[in-house]
N, C-alpha and C. Protein backbone atom coordinates (compact mmCIF):
# COMPACT_ATOMS: atom_id res chain seq x y z
N MET A 1 10.54 -2.75 -1.50
CA MET A 1 9.81 -3.67 -2.37
C MET A 1 8.36 -3.80 -1.91
N ALA A 2 8.14 -3.82 -0.60
CA ALA A 2 6.78 -4.00 -0.09
C ALA A 2 5.89 -2.81 -0.46
N LEU A 3 6.43 -1.61 -0.37
CA LEU A 3 5.65 -0.43 -0.71
C LEU A 3 5.30 -0.42 -2.19
N GLY A 4 6.25 -0.76 -3.02
CA GLY A 4 5.99 -0.82 -4.47
C GLY A 4 4.96 -1.87 -4.82
N TRP A 5 5.08 -3.04 -4.19
CA TRP A 5 4.13 -4.12 -4.45
C TRP A 5 2.72 -3.73 -3.98
N GLY A 6 2.64 -3.09 -2.84
CA GLY A 6 1.34 -2.64 -2.33
C GLY A 6 0.70 -1.60 -3.24
N THR A 7 1.51 -0.67 -3.74
CA THR A 7 0.99 0.35 -4.64
C THR A 7 0.53 -0.27 -5.95
N LEU A 8 1.33 -1.19 -6.50
CA LEU A 8 0.94 -1.86 -7.73
C LEU A 8 -0.36 -2.64 -7.54
N SER A 9 -0.46 -3.37 -6.45
CA SER A 9 -1.68 -4.14 -6.18
C SER A 9 -2.89 -3.23 -6.03
N THR A 10 -2.72 -2.09 -5.40
CA THR A 10 -3.82 -1.15 -5.22
C THR A 10 -4.28 -0.60 -6.56
N THR A 11 -3.35 -0.20 -7.40
CA THR A 11 -3.75 0.37 -8.68
C THR A 11 -4.43 -0.66 -9.57
N VAL A 12 -3.94 -1.90 -9.56
CA VAL A 12 -4.59 -2.95 -10.34
C VAL A 12 -6.00 -3.21 -9.80
N GLY A 13 -6.13 -3.29 -8.48
CA GLY A 13 -7.45 -3.51 -7.87
C GLY A 13 -8.41 -2.37 -8.14
N LEU A 14 -7.93 -1.14 -8.06
CA LEU A 14 -8.80 0.01 -8.34
C LEU A 14 -9.21 0.03 -9.80
N PHE A 15 -8.30 -0.31 -10.70
CA PHE A 15 -8.64 -0.37 -12.12
C PHE A 15 -9.75 -1.37 -12.37
N GLN A 16 -9.64 -2.55 -11.76
CA GLN A 16 -10.67 -3.57 -11.92
C GLN A 16 -12.00 -3.13 -11.30
N ALA A 17 -11.92 -2.49 -10.14
CA ALA A 17 -13.15 -2.05 -9.47
C ALA A 17 -13.86 -0.96 -10.28
N PHE A 18 -13.10 0.02 -10.77
CA PHE A 18 -13.72 1.08 -11.56
C PHE A 18 -14.25 0.56 -12.88
N ASP A 19 -13.60 -0.45 -13.45
CA ASP A 19 -14.10 -1.07 -14.67
C ASP A 19 -15.43 -1.77 -14.41
N ALA A 20 -15.53 -2.46 -13.27
CA ALA A 20 -16.78 -3.13 -12.92
C ALA A 20 -17.89 -2.12 -12.66
N ILE A 21 -17.56 -1.01 -12.00
CA ILE A 21 -18.57 0.03 -11.74
C ILE A 21 -19.03 0.65 -13.05
N GLU A 22 -18.11 0.84 -13.98
CA GLU A 22 -18.45 1.45 -15.26
C GLU A 22 -19.38 0.56 -16.08
N ARG A 23 -19.20 -0.76 -15.98
CA ARG A 23 -20.04 -1.69 -16.73
C ARG A 23 -21.47 -1.74 -16.23
N THR A 24 -21.68 -1.49 -14.94
CA THR A 24 -23.04 -1.52 -14.42
C THR A 24 -23.76 -0.24 -14.83
N LYS A 25 -25.02 -0.34 -15.02
CA LYS A 25 -25.81 0.83 -15.44
C LYS A 25 -26.53 1.49 -14.27
N GLU A 26 -26.32 0.96 -13.08
CA GLU A 26 -26.98 1.52 -11.89
C GLU A 26 -26.15 2.68 -11.33
N MET A 27 -26.81 3.51 -10.57
CA MET A 27 -26.11 4.55 -9.83
C MET A 27 -25.70 3.96 -8.48
N TRP A 28 -24.44 4.12 -8.12
CA TRP A 28 -23.93 3.59 -6.86
C TRP A 28 -23.84 4.72 -5.85
N PRO A 29 -24.23 4.45 -4.61
CA PRO A 29 -24.05 5.47 -3.57
C PRO A 29 -22.56 5.71 -3.30
N ILE A 30 -22.22 6.93 -2.99
CA ILE A 30 -20.82 7.29 -2.77
C ILE A 30 -20.23 6.55 -1.56
N GLN A 31 -21.06 6.15 -0.60
CA GLN A 31 -20.56 5.44 0.57
C GLN A 31 -19.97 4.08 0.17
N ILE A 32 -20.58 3.41 -0.79
CA ILE A 32 -20.06 2.11 -1.23
C ILE A 32 -18.71 2.29 -1.92
N ILE A 33 -18.61 3.30 -2.76
CA ILE A 33 -17.36 3.54 -3.46
C ILE A 33 -16.26 3.94 -2.48
N MET A 34 -16.57 4.81 -1.55
CA MET A 34 -15.57 5.23 -0.57
C MET A 34 -15.14 4.07 0.33
N GLY A 35 -16.07 3.20 0.67
CA GLY A 35 -15.71 2.02 1.46
C GLY A 35 -14.75 1.12 0.70
N GLY A 36 -14.96 0.96 -0.60
CA GLY A 36 -14.05 0.17 -1.43
C GLY A 36 -12.68 0.82 -1.54
N LEU A 37 -12.65 2.13 -1.67
CA LEU A 37 -11.36 2.83 -1.74
C LEU A 37 -10.60 2.69 -0.43
N LYS A 38 -11.32 2.74 0.68
CA LYS A 38 -10.68 2.59 2.00
C LYS A 38 -10.03 1.21 2.12
N VAL A 39 -10.71 0.19 1.64
CA VAL A 39 -10.16 -1.16 1.69
C VAL A 39 -8.98 -1.28 0.73
N ALA A 40 -9.05 -0.61 -0.42
CA ALA A 40 -7.97 -0.70 -1.40
C ALA A 40 -6.68 -0.09 -0.88
N ILE A 41 -6.75 0.88 -0.01
CA ILE A 41 -5.55 1.55 0.49
C ILE A 41 -4.84 0.71 1.56
N ILE A 42 -5.47 -0.34 2.05
CA ILE A 42 -4.85 -1.17 3.08
C ILE A 42 -3.51 -1.71 2.63
N THR A 43 -3.41 -2.15 1.37
CA THR A 43 -2.14 -2.72 0.91
C THR A 43 -1.02 -1.69 0.92
N VAL A 44 -1.34 -0.45 0.54
CA VAL A 44 -0.31 0.59 0.55
C VAL A 44 0.11 0.91 1.99
N ASN A 45 -0.86 0.96 2.90
CA ASN A 45 -0.53 1.25 4.30
C ASN A 45 0.38 0.18 4.89
N TYR A 46 0.07 -1.09 4.65
CA TYR A 46 0.92 -2.16 5.16
C TYR A 46 2.30 -2.13 4.51
N GLY A 47 2.34 -1.88 3.21
CA GLY A 47 3.62 -1.78 2.53
C GLY A 47 4.47 -0.64 3.08
N LEU A 48 3.85 0.51 3.33
CA LEU A 48 4.56 1.64 3.89
C LEU A 48 5.04 1.34 5.31
N PHE A 49 4.23 0.66 6.09
CA PHE A 49 4.62 0.27 7.44
C PHE A 49 5.83 -0.65 7.41
N ILE A 50 5.80 -1.66 6.56
CA ILE A 50 6.91 -2.59 6.45
C ILE A 50 8.16 -1.88 5.95
N TYR A 51 7.99 -0.96 5.00
CA TYR A 51 9.12 -0.19 4.49
C TYR A 51 9.77 0.64 5.59
N CYS A 52 8.97 1.31 6.40
CA CYS A 52 9.51 2.14 7.48
C CYS A 52 10.24 1.30 8.51
N ILE A 53 9.68 0.17 8.88
CA ILE A 53 10.34 -0.73 9.84
C ILE A 53 11.65 -1.24 9.25
N SER A 54 11.64 -1.59 7.97
CA SER A 54 12.85 -2.09 7.33
C SER A 54 13.94 -1.03 7.27
N MET A 55 13.56 0.20 6.92
CA MET A 55 14.54 1.28 6.84
C MET A 55 15.12 1.60 8.22
N LEU A 56 14.27 1.61 9.23
CA LEU A 56 14.75 1.86 10.59
C LEU A 56 15.72 0.75 11.02
N SER A 57 15.38 -0.49 10.72
CA SER A 57 16.26 -1.61 11.06
C SER A 57 17.58 -1.50 10.31
N TYR A 58 17.54 -1.12 9.04
CA TYR A 58 18.74 -0.98 8.23
C TYR A 58 19.65 0.12 8.79
N ILE A 59 19.06 1.24 9.15
CA ILE A 59 19.84 2.35 9.70
C ILE A 59 20.48 1.95 11.03
N LEU A 60 19.70 1.31 11.89
CA LEU A 60 20.26 0.87 13.17
C LEU A 60 21.36 -0.17 12.97
N PHE A 61 21.18 -1.06 12.03
CA PHE A 61 22.21 -2.06 11.74
C PHE A 61 23.49 -1.39 11.23
N LYS A 62 23.36 -0.42 10.34
CA LYS A 62 24.53 0.28 9.83
C LYS A 62 25.26 1.04 10.93
N LEU A 63 24.52 1.68 11.84
CA LEU A 63 25.13 2.43 12.93
C LEU A 63 25.88 1.50 13.88
N THR A 64 25.28 0.36 14.21
CA THR A 64 25.95 -0.57 15.12
C THR A 64 27.12 -1.25 14.45
N ALA A 65 27.06 -1.48 13.13
CA ALA A 65 28.17 -2.11 12.41
C ALA A 65 29.37 -1.16 12.38
N LYS A 66 29.14 0.13 12.26
CA LYS A 66 30.24 1.10 12.28
C LYS A 66 30.91 1.11 13.64
N ASP A 67 30.11 1.08 14.69
CA ASP A 67 30.65 1.11 16.05
C ASP A 67 31.46 -0.15 16.34
N LEU A 68 31.08 -1.29 15.84
CA LEU A 68 31.79 -2.54 16.09
C LEU A 68 33.09 -2.61 15.32
N SER A 69 33.17 -1.94 14.18
CA SER A 69 34.39 -2.02 13.36
C SER A 69 35.52 -1.15 13.91
N LYS A 70 35.24 -0.26 14.83
CA LYS A 70 36.28 0.64 15.39
C LYS A 70 37.08 -0.05 16.45
């Protein structure tokens, strides 16, 4: 769920950011846009991190539960 929520939040944020850039008539330096993209990916990275920790915990829990039931 965390990875999906992070991806959804990133796409919504990027859509809003690109819409705002499109409305301005100025030329933006690529460094500003890349800095914004780097910040936008933070939610996906945290979601992926939480997902990996959760899956590892789930697998370990399942393995220990099998051993205890024997």
